[in-house]
Protein backbone atom coordinates (compact mmCIF):
# COMPACT_ATOMS: atom_id res chain seq x y z
CA MET A 1 41.07 79.23 38.41
CA PRO A 2 42.79 82.43 39.64
CA LYS A 3 39.55 83.52 41.34
CA ALA A 4 39.19 80.16 43.07
CA ARG A 5 42.81 80.35 44.19
CA SER A 6 42.33 83.89 45.43
CA ARG A 7 39.27 82.84 47.44
CA LYS A 8 41.16 79.88 48.88
CA ASP A 9 44.07 82.12 49.89
CA ALA A 10 41.71 84.61 51.51
CA ASN A 11 40.04 81.84 53.49
CA LEU A 12 43.43 80.57 54.61
CA ARG A 13 44.47 84.05 55.74
CA SER A 14 41.25 84.33 57.73
CA HIS A 15 41.83 80.91 59.28
CA ILE A 16 45.38 81.84 60.35
CA ALA A 17 44.12 85.17 61.74
CA TYR A 18 41.52 83.26 63.78
CA LEU A 19 44.14 80.82 65.11
CA ALA A 20 46.41 83.72 66.03
CA ALA A 21 43.55 85.52 67.78
CA ARG A 22 42.74 82.41 69.80
CA LEU A 23 46.39 82.04 70.81
CA MET A 24 46.38 85.62 72.06
CA ALA A 25 43.03 85.38 73.85
CA GLU A 26 43.41 81.95 75.42
CA ASP A 27 47.13 81.16 75.62
CA GLY A 28 48.58 84.56 76.43
CA VAL A 29 50.68 85.06 73.30
CA ALA A 30 51.16 88.81 73.50
CA ASP A 31 52.91 89.63 70.23
CA TYR A 32 51.10 89.71 66.90
CA GLY A 33 54.15 88.41 65.07
CA ALA A 34 54.67 85.47 67.42
CA ALA A 35 50.97 84.58 67.33
CA LYS A 36 50.99 84.76 63.52
CA GLN A 37 54.01 82.49 63.17
CA LYS A 38 52.68 79.94 65.64
CA ALA A 39 49.28 79.95 63.93
CA ALA A 40 50.96 79.45 60.55
CA ARG A 41 52.83 76.41 61.88
CA GLN A 42 49.59 74.98 63.25
CA ALA A 43 47.96 75.45 59.84
CA GLY A 44 50.98 74.02 58.01
CA VAL A 45 51.53 77.23 56.05
CA GLN A 46 55.06 78.30 55.07
CA ASP A 47 54.30 80.92 52.41
CA GLY A 48 54.70 84.33 54.05
CA LYS A 49 52.44 85.90 51.42
CA LEU A 50 49.50 83.98 52.87
CA LEU A 51 49.91 85.33 56.38
CA PRO A 52 47.45 87.96 57.68
CA ASP A 53 48.71 91.37 58.74
CA ASN A 54 48.34 92.78 62.24
CA HIS A 55 45.10 94.59 61.40
CA GLU A 56 43.50 91.33 60.27
CA ILE A 57 44.61 89.58 63.46
CA GLU A 58 43.32 92.44 65.60
CA ALA A 59 39.95 92.27 63.84
CA ALA A 60 39.85 88.51 64.42
CA LEU A 61 40.76 89.03 68.08
CA ARG A 62 37.93 91.51 68.55
CA GLU A 63 35.51 89.07 66.96
CA TYR A 64 36.78 86.19 69.10
CA GLN A 65 36.42 88.25 72.27
CA SER A 66 32.90 89.35 71.34
CA LEU A 67 31.87 85.72 70.73
CA TYR A 68 33.65 83.85 73.51
CA GLN A 69 34.71 86.38 76.15
CA ALA A 70 31.84 88.84 76.10
CA GLU A 71 31.05 88.29 79.78
CA ASP A 72 34.57 88.77 81.16
CA GLN A 73 36.69 90.81 78.77
CA PRO A 74 34.89 94.18 79.07
CA ALA A 75 35.21 94.12 82.87
CA GLN A 76 38.89 93.14 82.64
CA LEU A 77 39.49 95.93 80.17
CA ARG A 78 37.77 98.52 82.36
CA ARG A 79 39.79 97.49 85.41
CA MET A 80 43.03 97.77 83.45
CA ARG A 81 42.07 101.20 82.16
CA GLU A 82 41.27 102.29 85.72
CA VAL A 83 44.74 101.15 86.79
CA ALA A 84 46.22 102.99 83.81
CA VAL A 85 44.50 106.21 84.89
CA ARG A 86 45.75 105.85 88.46
CA VAL A 87 49.35 105.28 87.37
CA MET A 88 49.23 108.05 84.77
CA ARG A 89 48.03 110.51 87.40
CA GLU A 90 50.82 109.52 89.78
CA PHE A 91 53.51 109.69 87.09
CA ASN A 92 52.11 112.82 85.45
CA GLU A 93 55.43 114.70 85.54
CA PHE A 94 56.88 112.11 83.15
CA ARG A 95 54.22 112.80 80.51
CA PRO A 96 52.81 109.25 80.40
CA ALA A 97 51.02 107.91 77.33
CA LEU A 98 48.99 104.71 77.18
CA VAL A 99 49.77 102.37 74.28
CA GLY A 100 48.95 98.81 73.31
CA SER A 101 46.00 96.53 73.87
CA VAL A 102 44.55 98.33 76.91
CA LEU A 103 44.22 101.40 74.71
CA THR A 104 42.88 99.61 71.62
CA GLY A 105 40.43 97.55 73.69
CA THR A 106 41.79 94.08 72.86
CA ALA A 107 43.48 93.42 76.20
CA THR A 108 43.22 89.87 77.53
CA ARG A 109 43.65 88.53 81.05
CA PHE A 110 47.34 88.05 80.17
CA SER A 111 47.94 91.66 79.13
CA ASP A 112 50.00 94.37 80.81
CA VAL A 113 49.10 98.02 81.04
CA ASN A 114 51.72 99.51 78.73
CA LEU A 115 52.81 103.10 79.22
CA HIS A 116 55.43 105.31 77.62
CA LEU A 117 57.18 107.77 79.92
CA PHE A 118 59.20 110.65 78.50
CA THR A 119 62.13 112.12 80.42
CA ASP A 120 65.73 113.19 79.86
CA ASP A 121 66.59 112.46 83.50
CA SER A 122 66.29 108.77 84.33
CA LYS A 123 67.62 109.44 87.83
CA ALA A 124 64.56 111.60 88.53
CA LEU A 125 62.34 108.63 87.73
CA THR A 126 64.39 106.35 89.99
CA LEU A 127 64.11 108.83 92.85
CA PHE A 128 60.38 109.16 92.21
CA LEU A 129 59.94 105.39 92.51
CA LEU A 130 62.06 105.16 95.65
CA ASN A 131 60.41 108.13 97.38
CA ARG A 132 56.98 106.60 96.85
CA ARG A 133 58.22 103.18 97.97
CA TYR A 134 57.26 101.42 94.78
CA ARG A 135 58.36 97.84 94.46
CA TYR A 136 59.57 97.50 90.91
CA GLU A 137 61.84 95.59 88.58
CA GLU A 138 64.03 97.00 85.86
CA GLY A 139 64.16 95.66 82.34
CA ALA A 140 64.97 96.75 78.81
CA ARG A 141 63.47 96.70 75.34
CA ARG A 142 65.14 96.90 71.94
CA MET A 143 63.61 99.43 69.59
CA ARG A 144 64.57 101.26 66.43
CA ARG A 145 65.86 104.80 66.67
CA GLY A 146 66.71 106.15 63.24
CA ASP A 147 68.80 103.58 61.40
CA THR A 148 69.96 101.75 64.50
CA HIS A 149 68.50 99.62 67.27
CA VAL A 150 68.95 100.75 70.86
CA GLU A 151 68.00 99.35 74.23
CA VAL A 152 65.67 101.53 76.25
CA PRO A 153 64.90 100.97 79.94
CA GLN A 154 61.63 99.60 81.23
CA VAL A 155 60.12 99.67 84.70
CA LEU A 156 57.86 96.79 85.72
CA LEU A 157 55.27 97.32 88.46
CA GLU A 158 52.22 95.59 89.83
CA VAL A 159 49.34 97.89 90.77
CA GLU A 160 46.19 96.42 92.33
CA GLY A 161 47.20 93.04 90.97
CA VAL A 162 47.59 94.36 87.43
CA PRO A 163 51.04 94.27 85.76
CA VAL A 164 52.22 97.62 84.45
CA THR A 165 55.12 98.00 82.02
CA MET A 166 56.54 101.48 81.60
CA THR A 167 58.96 102.09 78.73
CA VAL A 168 61.22 105.04 79.49
CA LEU A 169 61.97 107.20 76.44
CA ASP A 170 63.78 110.47 75.79
CA ARG A 171 61.86 113.67 75.24
CA ASP A 172 63.01 113.58 71.62
CA ASP A 173 61.21 110.24 71.23
CA GLU A 174 57.98 111.95 72.24
CA ARG A 175 58.03 113.92 69.01
CA LEU A 176 58.86 110.83 66.97
CA ALA A 177 56.26 108.55 68.59
CA GLY A 178 53.73 107.45 66.02
CA ARG A 179 56.14 107.85 63.09
CA SER A 180 58.59 105.08 63.99
CA ARG A 181 57.67 101.52 63.08
CA GLU A 182 58.57 100.32 66.56
CA VAL A 183 56.86 102.99 68.59
CA GLU A 184 53.16 102.27 68.90
CA ALA A 185 51.27 104.46 66.46
CA GLN A 186 48.34 104.88 68.81
CA ARG A 187 48.89 106.53 72.16
CA ALA A 188 46.64 108.37 74.55
CA ARG A 189 47.22 110.95 77.24
CA LEU A 190 45.49 110.94 80.61
CA ALA A 191 42.45 112.94 79.49
CA ASP A 192 41.93 110.55 76.57
CA VAL A 193 42.04 107.48 78.82
CA GLU A 194 39.66 109.08 81.30
CA ALA A 195 37.30 109.67 78.39
CA LEU A 196 37.66 106.02 77.34
CA LEU A 197 36.50 104.94 80.79
CA GLY A 198 33.29 106.78 80.14
CA THR A 199 32.65 104.50 77.15
CA THR A 200 33.81 101.26 78.73
CA PRO A 201 30.87 99.28 80.19
CA ALA A 202 30.94 99.02 83.98
CA PRO A 203 30.88 95.47 85.37
């Protein structure tokens, strides 16, 4: 009986991961947690122990994209990585790092190019944007820093029709990136993203 139950639970986790992946790929749900919770409601599951983790959802998303979006997704991904390279070159003095789905390869047509910028002088970034006549919006994001949550600024751009979100962090955060739960563990510098373009199929 325990084995049968374990198999049933595993199948349910896989089903929820698939539903979450479809929500991300087709409906534009960008956050793993939100997609997981919505998928659980669709499946009628309330037990948190039965929910897949982010790695399971990412694996399901990759599989979904390979099955149902194989014609479009690689070209979309390449275009977004090309935009990422262009922006990273222009903002090089702020030590940009690519994070998120454009880096991992699971970006959908709803995704942003997500970059981390590192500077101790936010005014320098503002002047940079103004001098180059960028049209941009300002936003904020809550993230953990030590034992507290803080709001950090974000800059929202559109480059060649692709949305770009730049999270502005202190230089101290650059050393902590990858060790904090709320700073993306994977990040890539310009040379790494340029290398990725060499492995991304051209349309």
